[in-house]
Structure formats: C-alpha cells, structure tokens
C-alpha cells in the first residue's frame, strides 16, 4: 500500500518523474532575444544622436595663404540668397565652386554663421579671402554659401581643422 501512495500523486498530476529543461531553455532564448533588441535599439538611438553632432556656429576654418594643397577635388556650393535665409532648395539657386587648392593659395576663411539640424545637417557659411576657383565658377573674394556637413567637413580636413589660425589674448 505504501508503494501505491507514492505513485499516485504523479499519476494524478500527469507529470513525468523528471521535469524537462524546455521551460528554462525558452527563458534563456527570450532573454537573449530581448538583450539583442535592446542593444540594437540603443545603437540606433546613438547613431541618430551622433548625426546631430558636427561643427558649431561660430567655428572658423582658416586656409593659410601660401600653403600648397594637393587636393584636386572641388565642392559645388549653393550661394545663399538673403530672401531664403540660407535654406537650400532642391537644385534651385546659383552655385559656385570651392577648390581647396585654389583657396589655400590666396588664403581666407570660412565662418559658420548658422546651422539647420536636418538630415543631413545644413550649414550657412561666409567665405572671405582669395578666389575659390580658377574657372568661371569662382565664388569671389566674399560670399555667403550653404554647405551640407559632408562638404564642410571635407574642407575642414584640408584646412587642418577649426580655428587653427593665430590666437591672441587681450583686446
């Protein structure tokens, strides 16, 4: 009779003698999936926030005169119209060419005047200095331009960074 009572609760409950690890395996898989999704969403959120970083308003890119730049590429910049406050159109508006090799010969600087946080970020800059191109696409010795972040950063890299000119202390 003792043997009958030992077997009876297992038979009534319908459970096997040894419980399987299926439940714990499912928990592990769900935990790993949740961790992977959390990592993915955190990474994507960080990428979106990193897109907002970039040059700040007031930054100056200095092209020192007489420094020879070997870059032969150029940037096609949109000339900012005062009525539009520097907001670029699709392809409308006049354009001019910024050639780093020509800009470095005469010297000059780009000052970041405004920034619009769009995708990609757009910057309104002011060029003052020598000519920007040897051909008919020259912006002249002074111009207000609109550049996207990629174009601006290419010019910054050629010039050697922001605010790399002579720094004076005092008035």
Protein backbone atom coordinates (compact mmCIF):
# COMPACT_ATOMS: atom_id res chain seq x y z
CA UNK A 1 0.00 0.00 0.00
CA UNK A 2 2.86 2.31 0.66
CA UNK A 3 4.02 1.87 -2.94
CA UNK A 4 0.56 2.76 -4.23
CA UNK A 5 0.51 6.13 -2.45
CA UNK A 6 3.98 7.05 -3.71
CA UNK A 7 2.99 6.66 -7.35
CA UNK A 8 -0.48 8.04 -7.08
CA UNK A 9 0.27 11.84 -6.92
CA UNK A 10 2.46 11.70 -10.05
CA UNK A 11 -0.16 9.83 -11.99
CA UNK A 12 -2.93 12.19 -10.92
CA UNK A 13 -0.96 15.34 -11.71
CA UNK A 14 0.09 13.96 -15.10
CA UNK A 15 3.69 14.97 -14.61
CA UNK A 16 6.66 12.92 -15.59
CA UNK A 17 9.09 11.78 -12.94
CA UNK A 18 11.84 14.15 -14.12
CA UNK A 19 10.92 17.67 -15.29
CA UNK A 20 12.38 18.72 -18.65
CA UNK A 21 14.58 21.76 -19.29
CA UNK A 22 12.33 23.07 -22.10
CA UNK A 23 10.98 25.89 -19.96
CA UNK A 24 14.43 27.07 -18.89
CA UNK A 25 15.72 26.89 -22.49
CA UNK A 26 12.82 29.06 -23.64
CA UNK A 27 13.58 31.58 -20.91
CA UNK A 28 17.23 31.77 -21.98
CA UNK A 29 16.28 32.27 -25.65
CA UNK A 30 13.77 35.02 -24.80
CA UNK A 31 16.32 36.75 -22.55
CA UNK A 32 18.95 36.69 -25.31
CA UNK A 33 16.46 38.00 -27.87
CA UNK A 34 15.40 40.83 -25.54
CA UNK A 35 19.06 41.70 -24.89
CA UNK A 36 19.82 41.75 -28.63
CA UNK A 37 16.84 44.01 -29.35
CA UNK A 38 17.81 46.35 -26.52
CA UNK A 39 21.37 46.55 -27.84
CA UNK A 40 20.15 47.20 -31.38
CA UNK A 41 17.74 49.97 -30.39
CA UNK A 42 20.37 51.61 -28.15
CA UNK A 43 22.89 51.53 -31.01
CA UNK A 44 20.42 53.03 -33.46
CA UNK A 45 19.47 55.77 -31.00
CA UNK A 46 23.16 56.58 -30.52
CA UNK A 47 23.68 56.77 -34.30
CA UNK A 48 20.78 59.23 -34.62
CA UNK A 49 22.24 61.38 -31.83
CA UNK A 50 25.72 61.28 -33.39
CA UNK A 51 24.26 62.65 -36.61
CA UNK A 52 23.35 65.83 -34.74
CA UNK A 53 26.98 66.41 -33.75
CA UNK A 54 29.10 68.47 -36.03
CA UNK A 55 30.65 71.87 -36.41
CA UNK A 56 29.13 74.53 -34.19
CA UNK A 57 28.05 78.03 -35.10
CA UNK A 58 30.99 80.42 -34.84
CA UNK A 59 33.59 77.88 -35.96
CA UNK A 60 36.24 79.25 -38.30
CA UNK A 61 38.07 77.26 -40.97
CA UNK A 62 41.30 79.03 -41.85
CA UNK A 63 43.06 78.49 -45.18
CA UNK A 64 46.57 79.86 -44.61
CA UNK A 65 47.97 81.74 -47.61
CA UNK A 66 50.82 80.17 -49.47
CA UNK A 67 50.20 76.65 -48.15
CA UNK A 68 50.06 74.28 -51.08
CA UNK A 69 47.13 71.87 -51.04
CA UNK A 70 47.43 68.87 -53.29
CA UNK A 71 43.71 68.08 -53.36
CA UNK A 72 42.29 68.37 -56.86
CA UNK A 73 38.63 67.85 -55.95
CA UNK A 74 36.15 70.66 -55.52
CA UNK A 75 32.87 71.33 -53.71
CA UNK A 76 29.84 72.67 -55.53
CA UNK A 77 28.32 75.15 -53.04
CA UNK A 78 24.97 76.87 -53.24
CA UNK A 79 25.06 80.63 -52.88
CA UNK A 80 22.79 81.71 -50.01
CA UNK A 81 20.05 84.11 -51.03
CA UNK A 82 19.05 86.65 -48.35
CA UNK A 83 15.33 86.12 -49.03
CA UNK A 84 15.61 82.39 -48.20
CA UNK A 85 17.84 82.93 -45.15
CA UNK A 86 20.21 80.24 -46.35
CA UNK A 87 17.71 77.41 -46.57
CA UNK A 88 18.77 75.40 -49.60
CA UNK A 89 16.37 74.48 -52.35
CA UNK A 90 16.47 71.19 -54.19
CA UNK A 91 18.70 72.39 -57.03
CA UNK A 92 17.42 75.93 -57.45
CA UNK A 93 19.65 78.93 -56.95
CA UNK A 94 23.10 79.87 -58.16
CA UNK A 95 26.08 77.69 -57.38
CA UNK A 96 29.81 78.29 -57.22
CA UNK A 97 32.87 76.07 -56.80
CA UNK A 98 35.16 75.78 -53.79
CA UNK A 99 38.54 74.29 -54.77
CA UNK A 100 40.77 73.74 -51.73
CA UNK A 101 43.95 74.02 -53.77
CA UNK A 102 42.97 77.49 -55.07
CA UNK A 103 41.62 78.59 -51.69
CA UNK A 104 44.89 77.65 -49.98
CA UNK A 105 46.96 79.69 -52.44
CA UNK A 106 45.28 83.01 -51.67
CA UNK A 107 44.25 82.20 -48.11
CA UNK A 108 40.96 83.01 -46.48
CA UNK A 109 38.46 81.68 -44.01
CA UNK A 110 35.03 80.11 -43.76
CA UNK A 111 32.96 81.23 -40.78
CA UNK A 112 29.95 79.11 -39.79
CA UNK A 113 27.06 81.52 -39.35
CA UNK A 114 24.09 79.19 -38.94
CA UNK A 115 23.20 75.53 -38.75
CA UNK A 116 19.96 73.75 -39.55
CA UNK A 117 19.53 70.32 -37.97
CA UNK A 118 18.00 68.42 -40.83
CA UNK A 119 19.09 65.18 -42.43
CA UNK A 120 21.85 65.81 -43.36
CA UNK A 121 22.60 68.95 -41.33
CA UNK A 122 22.99 72.09 -43.45
CA UNK A 123 25.33 74.98 -42.66
CA UNK A 124 25.35 78.59 -43.78
CA UNK A 125 28.93 79.80 -44.04
CA UNK A 126 30.62 83.03 -45.06
CA UNK A 127 33.74 82.90 -47.24
CA UNK A 128 36.19 85.78 -47.06
CA UNK A 129 39.62 85.69 -48.67
CA UNK A 130 41.09 84.95 -52.06
CA UNK A 131 39.39 83.34 -55.02
CA UNK A 132 37.77 79.93 -54.57
CA UNK A 133 38.30 78.56 -58.08
CA UNK A 134 40.39 79.37 -61.13
CA UNK A 135 37.49 78.96 -63.55
CA UNK A 136 34.17 80.68 -64.13
CA UNK A 137 32.60 79.01 -61.07
CA UNK A 138 34.59 81.22 -58.67
CA UNK A 139 32.61 82.44 -55.64
CA UNK A 140 34.69 85.60 -55.45
CA UNK A 141 36.55 87.08 -52.50
CA UNK A 142 33.48 87.07 -50.29
CA UNK A 143 30.26 85.06 -50.41
CA UNK A 144 27.53 83.59 -48.23
CA UNK A 145 27.22 79.89 -49.02
CA UNK A 146 25.17 76.86 -48.00
CA UNK A 147 27.01 73.57 -47.44
CA UNK A 148 25.97 70.22 -46.07
CA UNK A 149 28.01 68.64 -43.28
CA UNK A 150 29.96 66.29 -45.56
CA UNK A 151 31.15 69.09 -47.82
CA UNK A 152 32.04 71.31 -44.87
CA UNK A 153 33.98 68.56 -43.13
CA UNK A 154 35.96 67.84 -46.31
CA UNK A 155 37.03 71.48 -46.39
CA UNK A 156 37.83 71.41 -42.65
CA UNK A 157 40.06 68.37 -43.11
CA UNK A 158 42.01 70.05 -45.91
CA UNK A 159 42.50 73.23 -43.89
CA UNK A 160 43.70 71.31 -40.85
CA UNK A 161 40.73 71.78 -38.53
CA UNK A 162 38.78 74.60 -36.94
CA UNK A 163 40.26 77.80 -35.54
CA UNK A 164 43.84 76.89 -36.38
CA UNK A 165 44.92 80.46 -37.01
CA UNK A 166 46.89 82.75 -34.74
CA UNK A 167 45.29 83.17 -31.31
CA UNK A 168 45.79 86.42 -29.47
CA UNK A 169 44.95 87.17 -25.85
CA UNK A 170 43.60 90.58 -24.97
CA UNK A 171 41.71 93.30 -26.88
